[in-house]
Amino acid sequence: MSMGLSSVGVRAMACATAWGAMAWLGAGAEAQVAVRARIIHTMAGTPVRDGVVLVGADGKIERVGAGASVTIPEGYEVIECAVLTPGLVDVRTTVGLTGMYNVDQDQDVLEPGAPMQPELRAVDAYNPREPLVGYIRSFGVTTVHTGHAPGALISGQTAIFKTRGDTVDAALVKRDFAVTATLGGGAMAGGDKSPGTRAKQVEMLREKLIKAQEFARKDAAKADDASEEGEGKDAKPPARDLAMEALVDVLKGPNTKPLIITANRAQDIASALALGREFGITVWLDMASEAYLLLDELRSDGGPVLLHPTMYRAWGETSNLSLETAKILADAGITFAIESGYEGYVPKVRVVLFEAAAAAGYGGLGFERALAAVTIIPADILGIADRVGSIEVGKDGDLAMYDGDPFEYTTHCVGVLIEGERFPGELEYEIKYP
């Protein structure tokens, strides 16, 4: 995956960038920044060689182009790197709800109180100060779609955050974005509790969705009655039910709040797609280890696949995982993005940069398609491509800087911008305990 960079040039530019990154901690977002790179992968056209990106004081990209065509205004801080990409977008993770140290205090990914809890919200558990958030950012990840982990029939609602800010509001991009569910062995209850079989799982989900349909009808009828009675008639507002309200949003039809179903076995993937057709809802597949067995079904249903990390362990539900699944889906014209996902051991969240690299090389996906799978494609899936995922004028100044080919093992992320705010790359990132 040679990028056409001379080793001398790469080392020289890496040194310049690493030197500049030492002063990045604590820098604000008000600075105007010019990033000069040997290669800029804009993900909005062909790569720009010897290019410059200008990020204004408002954190938005002002100019993109070859160095000779871009005049760097006075007062702009100039940063140099070898390779520049959009900030990476993780299409499905649990970072911020799960922490780096695997102790009770930093694990809010699953609530064991009941098998179905769609009312739980990621924004109520997300910790922007969690060291794991900074750790993945140091490899170029600037946007995450995160929430409760697979392992419950319905585990909660997700949200989208930037990997910056000291408060939830400062990091938040979209709240209550999707509802997450799980089919298969990962969500089976132990002992005599339900669900204990796949049939019971689907039945419980179906029953919950039917109840949500009925709740929506009654809610609409009460609202109509209250409107007819008018003000001053002591009409009682409809009773609140947070779980039903979350599912009602899912039931509003295609292109509304998606139901993300974690399913690995082909039979569970098929059940997830069937539920989507039955209720006319938007179903996104998560993990989908055996997706390559159902290409026709995936094409006809049209929903995206939030694909398992390429190097995920092949065991149990994921025994038939393949390094080539990303390539197979891409060749079949099926929309997918590569996720970091969730695993039950430290640090429980992978880095999408490495997973895309494995898909590009070992999986045969190739550089451009692999980079797209962690930048513009997940941004488009999540409905935020107007802000992130590519380097274009008017978009957020979210940039990842590398001292060589981002997918080469010896390459380092040497710096990150998020809406113009500067953060160190992996060589300078220091884990700070919250």
Foldseek 3Di string as FASTA:
>chain_A
DAPPDDPVVLVVLLVQQLVVQLPQPPFDQQAKAKEFEQWEDQVPDDIAGRKIWIFHRQQFTADIHHPVVDDDDPRHHYHYFHYKYFQWEFLEAAPQCAAFPPDPVRHNQADPPDQADQLDWQLVRGFLLGLVLVQLVLLRHFKYWHGHAEQGQWGYFIFMFTSDDRHSVVTGDGTRQATEGEADDSHADPDPDPPNDRVRSLVVVVVLLVVLVVVVVVQVVLVVVDVVCDPPPPRDHDDDDSSSVSSVQQLPAPPTHEYEYEAADPVRVVSQLVVCVVRRGAYEYEQHQPVLVPLVSQVVSQHEYAHEQLPPDQDDSNVNGHNQPLVSCVVSVGQYAYHQHADDDGPRGGHLLQSLLSCQPVNVNNDSSSLQSGAQRSCVNSVNNQATRGRDGGHRNWMWHWSGRSSDPPIWGAWTATSSRTHGHDVNDDRDDD
